[in-house]
N, C-alpha and C. Protein backbone atom coordinates (compact mmCIF):
# COMPACT_ATOMS: atom_id res chain seq x y z
N UNK A 1 51.16 182.82 116.96
CA UNK A 1 50.48 181.74 117.65
C UNK A 1 51.35 181.23 118.79
N UNK A 2 50.82 181.26 119.99
CA UNK A 2 51.50 180.63 121.10
C UNK A 2 52.69 181.37 121.66
N UNK A 3 52.94 182.63 121.24
CA UNK A 3 54.09 183.36 121.73
C UNK A 3 53.69 184.25 122.91
N UNK A 4 54.44 184.16 123.99
CA UNK A 4 54.21 185.01 125.16
C UNK A 4 54.66 186.42 124.79
N UNK A 5 53.75 187.39 124.93
CA UNK A 5 54.05 188.76 124.51
C UNK A 5 55.13 189.41 125.36
N UNK A 6 55.27 188.99 126.61
CA UNK A 6 56.28 189.59 127.50
C UNK A 6 57.67 189.04 127.22
N UNK A 7 57.79 187.73 127.06
CA UNK A 7 59.11 187.10 126.92
C UNK A 7 59.50 186.84 125.47
N UNK A 8 58.52 186.77 124.58
CA UNK A 8 58.79 186.44 123.18
C UNK A 8 58.99 184.95 122.95
N UNK A 9 58.86 184.15 124.01
CA UNK A 9 59.04 182.70 123.88
C UNK A 9 57.70 182.03 123.59
N UNK A 10 57.80 180.86 122.95
CA UNK A 10 56.61 180.06 122.74
C UNK A 10 56.09 179.63 124.09
N UNK A 11 54.78 179.56 124.24
CA UNK A 11 54.22 179.13 125.52
C UNK A 11 54.52 177.67 125.81
N UNK A 12 54.99 176.95 124.82
CA UNK A 12 55.35 175.55 125.03
C UNK A 12 56.86 175.36 125.00
N UNK A 13 57.65 176.45 125.15
CA UNK A 13 59.09 176.31 125.18
C UNK A 13 59.48 175.23 126.18
N UNK A 14 60.43 174.43 125.82
CA UNK A 14 60.80 173.28 126.64
C UNK A 14 60.07 172.03 126.18
N UNK A 15 59.14 172.19 125.25
CA UNK A 15 58.44 171.06 124.66
C UNK A 15 58.58 171.14 123.14
N UNK A 16 58.49 170.01 122.51
CA UNK A 16 58.60 169.93 121.06
C UNK A 16 57.32 170.44 120.41
N UNK A 17 57.47 171.30 119.41
CA UNK A 17 56.32 171.70 118.61
C UNK A 17 55.87 170.53 117.74
N UNK A 18 54.59 170.47 117.45
CA UNK A 18 54.05 169.38 116.62
C UNK A 18 53.23 170.01 115.49
N UNK A 19 53.65 169.73 114.26
CA UNK A 19 52.95 170.23 113.08
C UNK A 19 52.40 169.06 112.29
N UNK A 20 51.08 169.03 112.12
CA UNK A 20 50.40 168.02 111.32
C UNK A 20 50.19 168.58 109.93
N UNK A 21 50.64 167.89 108.92
CA UNK A 21 50.42 168.34 107.54
C UNK A 21 49.80 167.18 106.77
N UNK A 22 48.68 167.45 106.11
CA UNK A 22 47.99 166.38 105.39
C UNK A 22 47.21 166.92 104.21
N UNK A 23 46.76 165.99 103.38
CA UNK A 23 45.89 166.32 102.26
C UNK A 23 44.50 166.69 102.79
N UNK A 24 43.84 167.59 102.10
CA UNK A 24 42.46 167.94 102.43
C UNK A 24 42.33 168.43 103.87
N UNK A 25 41.25 168.02 104.52
CA UNK A 25 40.97 168.45 105.90
C UNK A 25 41.42 167.44 106.95
N UNK A 26 42.22 166.46 106.56
CA UNK A 26 42.61 165.41 107.48
C UNK A 26 43.34 165.95 108.71
N UNK A 27 44.31 166.83 108.53
CA UNK A 27 45.07 167.36 109.66
C UNK A 27 44.16 168.12 110.62
N UNK A 28 43.29 168.95 110.08
CA UNK A 28 42.35 169.70 110.93
C UNK A 28 41.47 168.76 111.72
N UNK A 29 40.95 167.73 111.06
CA UNK A 29 40.09 166.76 111.74
C UNK A 29 40.82 166.00 112.83
N UNK A 30 42.06 165.62 112.56
CA UNK A 30 42.83 164.90 113.57
C UNK A 30 43.12 165.79 114.78
N UNK A 31 43.40 167.06 114.54
CA UNK A 31 43.66 167.97 115.65
C UNK A 31 42.40 168.18 116.50
N UNK A 32 41.25 168.28 115.85
CA UNK A 32 39.99 168.41 116.59
C UNK A 32 39.77 167.19 117.48
N UNK A 33 39.99 166.00 116.94
CA UNK A 33 39.80 164.77 117.72
C UNK A 33 40.83 164.69 118.84
N UNK A 34 42.09 165.02 118.54
CA UNK A 34 43.13 165.03 119.57
C UNK A 34 42.71 165.90 120.75
N UNK A 35 42.26 167.11 120.46
CA UNK A 35 41.90 168.04 121.53
C UNK A 35 40.62 167.62 122.24
N UNK A 36 39.74 166.90 121.56
CA UNK A 36 38.56 166.34 122.22
C UNK A 36 38.99 165.32 123.26
N UNK A 37 39.99 164.53 122.93
CA UNK A 37 40.46 163.46 123.82
C UNK A 37 41.36 164.01 124.92
N UNK A 38 42.28 164.90 124.57
CA UNK A 38 43.33 165.32 125.51
C UNK A 38 43.16 166.72 126.08
N UNK A 39 42.29 167.51 125.51
CA UNK A 39 42.19 168.92 125.88
C UNK A 39 43.05 169.76 124.95
N UNK A 40 43.07 171.07 125.16
CA UNK A 40 43.80 171.98 124.26
C UNK A 40 45.28 171.60 124.14
N UNK A 41 45.79 171.75 122.94
CA UNK A 41 47.19 171.43 122.64
C UNK A 41 47.82 172.62 121.92
N UNK A 42 48.23 173.66 122.65
CA UNK A 42 48.76 174.85 121.99
C UNK A 42 50.03 174.62 121.19
N UNK A 43 50.75 173.54 121.48
CA UNK A 43 51.99 173.29 120.73
C UNK A 43 51.74 172.46 119.48
N UNK A 44 50.47 172.18 119.17
CA UNK A 44 50.10 171.43 117.96
C UNK A 44 49.39 172.36 116.98
N UNK A 45 49.71 172.18 115.72
CA UNK A 45 49.07 172.97 114.66
C UNK A 45 48.78 172.04 113.49
N UNK A 46 47.63 172.26 112.85
CA UNK A 46 47.25 171.50 111.67
C UNK A 46 47.40 172.38 110.44
N UNK A 47 47.85 171.77 109.36
CA UNK A 47 48.03 172.48 108.11
C UNK A 47 47.53 171.61 106.97
N UNK A 48 46.55 172.13 106.24
CA UNK A 48 46.04 171.44 105.06
C UNK A 48 46.75 172.00 103.83
N UNK A 49 47.26 171.12 103.01
CA UNK A 49 47.92 171.58 101.78
C UNK A 49 47.01 171.29 100.60
N UNK A 50 46.69 172.32 99.88
CA UNK A 50 45.88 172.21 98.67
C UNK A 50 46.75 171.66 97.55
N UNK A 51 46.31 170.59 96.93
CA UNK A 51 47.12 169.96 95.88
C UNK A 51 47.34 170.87 94.67
N UNK A 52 46.52 171.92 94.56
CA UNK A 52 46.64 172.82 93.42
C UNK A 52 47.69 173.92 93.64
N UNK A 53 48.23 174.03 94.86
CA UNK A 53 49.24 175.06 95.13
C UNK A 53 50.53 174.76 94.38
N UNK A 54 51.16 175.82 93.93
CA UNK A 54 52.49 175.66 93.35
C UNK A 54 53.43 175.18 94.44
N UNK A 55 54.39 174.35 94.09
CA UNK A 55 55.30 173.74 95.06
C UNK A 55 56.02 174.78 95.90
N UNK A 56 56.54 175.82 95.27
CA UNK A 56 57.30 176.83 96.03
C UNK A 56 56.40 177.57 97.01
N UNK A 57 55.17 177.84 96.62
CA UNK A 57 54.24 178.51 97.54
C UNK A 57 53.90 177.58 98.71
N UNK A 58 53.65 176.31 98.41
CA UNK A 58 53.37 175.34 99.47
C UNK A 58 54.56 175.20 100.40
N UNK A 59 55.75 175.18 99.84
CA UNK A 59 56.97 175.07 100.64
C UNK A 59 57.10 176.26 101.59
N UNK A 60 56.80 177.44 101.11
CA UNK A 60 56.86 178.64 101.95
C UNK A 60 55.83 178.58 103.07
N UNK A 61 54.65 178.10 102.78
CA UNK A 61 53.60 177.97 103.80
C UNK A 61 54.05 176.99 104.89
N UNK A 62 54.63 175.87 104.47
CA UNK A 62 55.12 174.87 105.43
C UNK A 62 56.26 175.45 106.26
N UNK A 63 57.19 176.15 105.62
CA UNK A 63 58.33 176.73 106.35
C UNK A 63 57.85 177.73 107.40
N UNK A 64 56.87 178.55 107.07
CA UNK A 64 56.33 179.52 108.03
C UNK A 64 55.64 178.79 109.18
N UNK A 65 54.88 177.75 108.86
CA UNK A 65 54.20 176.97 109.91
C UNK A 65 55.21 176.31 110.84
N UNK A 66 56.30 175.80 110.30
CA UNK A 66 57.36 175.22 111.13
C UNK A 66 57.95 176.29 112.03
N UNK A 67 58.24 177.45 111.48
CA UNK A 67 58.79 178.54 112.28
C UNK A 67 57.83 178.93 113.40
N UNK A 68 56.52 178.95 113.12
CA UNK A 68 55.51 179.28 114.12
C UNK A 68 55.51 178.28 115.28
N UNK A 69 55.84 177.02 114.98
CA UNK A 69 55.78 175.96 115.99
C UNK A 69 57.14 175.67 116.62
N UNK A 70 58.17 176.35 116.15
CA UNK A 70 59.53 176.06 116.60
C UNK A 70 59.72 176.39 118.07
N UNK A 71 60.37 175.49 118.76
CA UNK A 71 60.78 175.71 120.15
C UNK A 71 62.24 175.29 120.26
N UNK A 72 62.78 175.39 121.44
CA UNK A 72 64.16 174.96 121.63
C UNK A 72 64.32 173.45 121.46
N UNK A 73 63.21 172.71 121.45
CA UNK A 73 63.23 171.26 121.27
C UNK A 73 62.97 170.85 119.82
N UNK A 74 62.74 171.82 118.94
CA UNK A 74 62.48 171.51 117.54
C UNK A 74 61.01 171.27 117.26
N UNK A 75 60.74 170.75 116.07
CA UNK A 75 59.37 170.48 115.63
C UNK A 75 59.29 169.08 115.04
N UNK A 76 58.32 168.33 115.52
CA UNK A 76 57.98 167.06 114.89
C UNK A 76 56.92 167.36 113.83
N UNK A 77 57.22 167.00 112.59
CA UNK A 77 56.28 167.19 111.49
C UNK A 77 55.66 165.83 111.21
N UNK A 78 54.36 165.74 111.38
CA UNK A 78 53.64 164.49 111.16
C UNK A 78 52.82 164.62 109.88
N UNK A 79 53.09 163.75 108.91
CA UNK A 79 52.38 163.83 107.63
C UNK A 79 51.55 162.57 107.41
N UNK A 80 50.61 162.69 106.49
CA UNK A 80 49.67 161.59 106.27
C UNK A 80 50.22 160.45 105.42
N UNK A 81 51.08 160.76 104.47
CA UNK A 81 51.46 159.74 103.50
C UNK A 81 52.87 159.99 102.98
N UNK A 82 53.77 159.04 103.22
CA UNK A 82 55.12 159.16 102.69
C UNK A 82 55.05 159.18 101.17
N UNK A 83 55.72 160.15 100.56
CA UNK A 83 55.70 160.27 99.10
C UNK A 83 54.62 161.19 98.59
N UNK A 84 53.68 161.59 99.47
CA UNK A 84 52.66 162.55 99.09
C UNK A 84 53.22 163.96 99.17
N UNK A 85 52.48 164.91 98.62
CA UNK A 85 52.95 166.30 98.60
C UNK A 85 53.29 166.84 100.00
N UNK A 86 52.45 166.64 101.01
CA UNK A 86 52.81 167.18 102.33
C UNK A 86 54.15 166.64 102.84
N UNK A 87 54.36 165.36 102.69
CA UNK A 87 55.60 164.73 103.13
C UNK A 87 56.79 165.21 102.29
N UNK A 88 56.62 165.23 100.99
CA UNK A 88 57.71 165.65 100.11
C UNK A 88 58.12 167.10 100.35
N UNK A 89 57.13 167.97 100.57
CA UNK A 89 57.44 169.37 100.82
C UNK A 89 58.17 169.51 102.15
N UNK A 90 57.69 168.82 103.18
CA UNK A 90 58.38 168.86 104.48
C UNK A 90 59.81 168.33 104.34
N UNK A 91 59.99 167.26 103.58
CA UNK A 91 61.33 166.69 103.41
C UNK A 91 62.27 167.67 102.70
N UNK A 92 61.72 168.54 101.86
CA UNK A 92 62.58 169.51 101.17
C UNK A 92 63.12 170.57 102.12
N UNK A 93 62.57 170.63 103.35
CA UNK A 93 63.00 171.60 104.36
C UNK A 93 63.83 170.92 105.46
N UNK A 94 63.92 169.62 105.43
CA UNK A 94 64.54 168.83 106.50
C UNK A 94 65.94 169.32 106.88
N UNK A 95 66.74 169.66 105.91
CA UNK A 95 68.12 170.08 106.19
C UNK A 95 68.24 171.55 106.60
N UNK A 96 67.15 172.29 106.50
CA UNK A 96 67.19 173.73 106.78
C UNK A 96 66.70 174.09 108.18
N UNK A 97 65.92 173.21 108.79
CA UNK A 97 65.29 173.54 110.06
C UNK A 97 65.45 172.37 111.03
N UNK A 98 65.29 172.66 112.31
CA UNK A 98 65.41 171.64 113.36
C UNK A 98 64.09 170.88 113.45
N UNK A 99 63.91 169.94 112.50
CA UNK A 99 62.67 169.16 112.41
C UNK A 99 63.01 167.69 112.20
N UNK A 100 62.03 166.86 112.50
CA UNK A 100 62.06 165.45 112.12
C UNK A 100 60.67 165.15 111.60
N UNK A 101 60.58 164.30 110.59
CA UNK A 101 59.32 164.02 109.92
C UNK A 101 58.94 162.56 110.14
N UNK A 102 57.68 162.36 110.52
CA UNK A 102 57.12 161.01 110.62
C UNK A 102 55.94 160.97 109.66
N UNK A 103 56.02 160.11 108.65
CA UNK A 103 54.95 159.99 107.67
C UNK A 103 54.07 158.79 108.02
N UNK A 104 52.80 158.90 107.71
CA UNK A 104 51.85 157.84 107.99
C UNK A 104 51.17 158.02 109.34
N UNK A 105 50.98 159.27 109.75
CA UNK A 105 50.42 159.56 111.07
C UNK A 105 49.04 158.92 111.23
N UNK A 106 48.81 158.42 112.44
CA UNK A 106 47.48 157.95 112.82
C UNK A 106 47.16 158.55 114.18
N UNK A 107 45.94 158.37 114.65
CA UNK A 107 45.54 159.00 115.91
C UNK A 107 46.37 158.51 117.09
N UNK A 108 46.68 157.21 117.22
CA UNK A 108 47.55 156.80 118.32
C UNK A 108 48.91 157.52 118.31
N UNK A 109 49.50 157.70 117.14
CA UNK A 109 50.77 158.42 117.04
C UNK A 109 50.59 159.85 117.54
N UNK A 110 49.55 160.49 117.09
CA UNK A 110 49.33 161.89 117.45
C UNK A 110 49.13 162.05 118.95
N UNK A 111 48.32 161.21 119.54
CA UNK A 111 48.09 161.27 120.99
C UNK A 111 49.41 161.02 121.73
N UNK A 112 50.14 160.01 121.31
CA UNK A 112 51.40 159.66 121.95
C UNK A 112 52.42 160.80 121.83
N UNK A 113 52.41 161.51 120.71
CA UNK A 113 53.36 162.59 120.48
C UNK A 113 53.25 163.67 121.55
N UNK A 114 52.06 163.89 122.05
CA UNK A 114 51.87 164.97 123.04
C UNK A 114 52.42 164.60 124.41
N UNK A 115 52.76 163.34 124.63
CA UNK A 115 53.26 162.92 125.93
C UNK A 115 54.65 162.35 125.92
N UNK A 116 55.39 162.55 124.84
CA UNK A 116 56.75 162.02 124.75
C UNK A 116 57.68 162.67 125.77
N UNK A 117 58.64 161.88 126.20
CA UNK A 117 59.67 162.36 127.13
C UNK A 117 60.51 163.43 126.44
N UNK A 118 60.49 164.64 126.98
CA UNK A 118 61.19 165.76 126.36
C UNK A 118 62.71 165.65 126.47
N UNK A 119 63.20 164.70 127.26
CA UNK A 119 64.66 164.53 127.34
C UNK A 119 65.19 163.75 126.14
N UNK A 120 64.32 163.14 125.36
CA UNK A 120 64.74 162.42 124.16
C UNK A 120 65.14 163.41 123.06
N UNK A 121 66.03 162.99 122.18
CA UNK A 121 66.36 163.81 121.02
C UNK A 121 65.17 163.81 120.07
N UNK A 122 65.16 164.75 119.15
CA UNK A 122 64.08 164.82 118.17
C UNK A 122 64.02 163.53 117.35
N UNK A 123 65.17 163.02 116.97
CA UNK A 123 65.23 161.75 116.21
C UNK A 123 64.67 160.59 117.02
N UNK A 124 65.02 160.53 118.31
CA UNK A 124 64.49 159.46 119.17
C UNK A 124 62.98 159.56 119.31
N UNK A 125 62.47 160.78 119.39
CA UNK A 125 61.02 160.97 119.47
C UNK A 125 60.34 160.44 118.21
N UNK A 126 60.92 160.78 117.06
CA UNK A 126 60.36 160.31 115.79
C UNK A 126 60.37 158.78 115.72
N UNK A 127 61.47 158.17 116.15
CA UNK A 127 61.56 156.70 116.14
C UNK A 127 60.53 156.08 117.07
N UNK A 128 60.34 156.69 118.26
CA UNK A 128 59.34 156.18 119.21
C UNK A 128 57.94 156.27 118.62
N UNK A 129 57.66 157.37 117.92
CA UNK A 129 56.34 157.52 117.30
C UNK A 129 56.10 156.49 116.22
N UNK A 130 57.13 156.23 115.41
CA UNK A 130 56.99 155.20 114.38
C UNK A 130 56.67 153.85 115.01
N UNK A 131 57.44 153.48 116.03
CA UNK A 131 57.22 152.20 116.70
C UNK A 131 55.83 152.14 117.34
N UNK A 132 55.44 153.22 117.99
CA UNK A 132 54.14 153.25 118.66
C UNK A 132 53.00 153.12 117.65
N UNK A 133 53.13 153.82 116.54
CA UNK A 133 52.11 153.73 115.50
C UNK A 133 51.98 152.32 114.96
N UNK A 134 53.11 151.68 114.69
CA UNK A 134 53.09 150.31 114.17
C UNK A 134 52.49 149.36 115.20
N UNK A 135 52.81 149.56 116.46
CA UNK A 135 52.31 148.67 117.52
C UNK A 135 50.84 148.88 117.83
N UNK A 136 50.25 149.94 117.32
CA UNK A 136 48.86 150.24 117.63
C UNK A 136 47.95 150.15 116.42
N UNK A 137 48.30 149.25 115.53
CA UNK A 137 47.41 148.88 114.42
C UNK A 137 47.00 147.44 114.67
N UNK A 138 45.71 147.23 114.74
CA UNK A 138 45.19 145.93 115.13
C UNK A 138 44.18 145.39 114.12
N UNK A 139 44.11 144.08 114.03
CA UNK A 139 43.01 143.39 113.36
C UNK A 139 42.12 142.90 114.49
N UNK A 140 40.92 143.45 114.58
CA UNK A 140 40.05 143.21 115.73
C UNK A 140 39.80 141.73 115.98
N UNK A 141 39.60 140.94 114.92
CA UNK A 141 39.30 139.51 115.11
C UNK A 141 40.48 138.80 115.78
N UNK A 142 41.72 139.23 115.46
CA UNK A 142 42.89 138.63 116.10
C UNK A 142 42.96 138.97 117.57
N UNK A 143 42.67 140.21 117.90
CA UNK A 143 42.70 140.63 119.31
C UNK A 143 41.63 139.89 120.10
N UNK A 144 40.43 139.83 119.55
CA UNK A 144 39.32 139.20 120.24
C UNK A 144 39.52 137.69 120.42
N UNK A 145 40.24 137.09 119.48
CA UNK A 145 40.46 135.64 119.56
C UNK A 145 41.74 135.31 120.36
N UNK A 146 42.48 136.34 120.75
CA UNK A 146 43.72 136.11 121.50
C UNK A 146 44.91 135.80 120.61
N UNK A 147 44.77 135.98 119.30
CA UNK A 147 45.85 135.66 118.37
C UNK A 147 46.75 136.84 118.05
N UNK A 148 46.53 138.01 118.69
CA UNK A 148 47.36 139.17 118.41
C UNK A 148 48.80 138.87 118.77
N UNK A 149 49.69 139.11 117.83
CA UNK A 149 51.11 138.82 118.01
C UNK A 149 51.81 139.97 118.66
């Protein structure tokens, strides 16, 4: 996926790979919506983890997906729920691969991830995504009344 046949490099080399991992079809759905809003995102991949998979098999699937998305800038792994299987499996690979994990992904985080400054470190990108996600959760009545803090 995404490899230039002539050079062997990812077509997004110079940009961070983005891997969405979630329960059920959530990651696939988020990627569809992302591409509806932003257009094609070849450096993004969605991965659904079946809760019935054995842990080692799921870990291997995640490791291969990370390798598929790897670039010289690393891979941001965005998961749906800290402490859930997708997040835990990704965390078990954290020390083995050039990745950073952000758990609790929402659509604002995902959209923002595709436009991050590539001069930032992988850790700085993850921190920016966390902050952006937190800053983009609203209670509509507060916004409409002018009480948004």
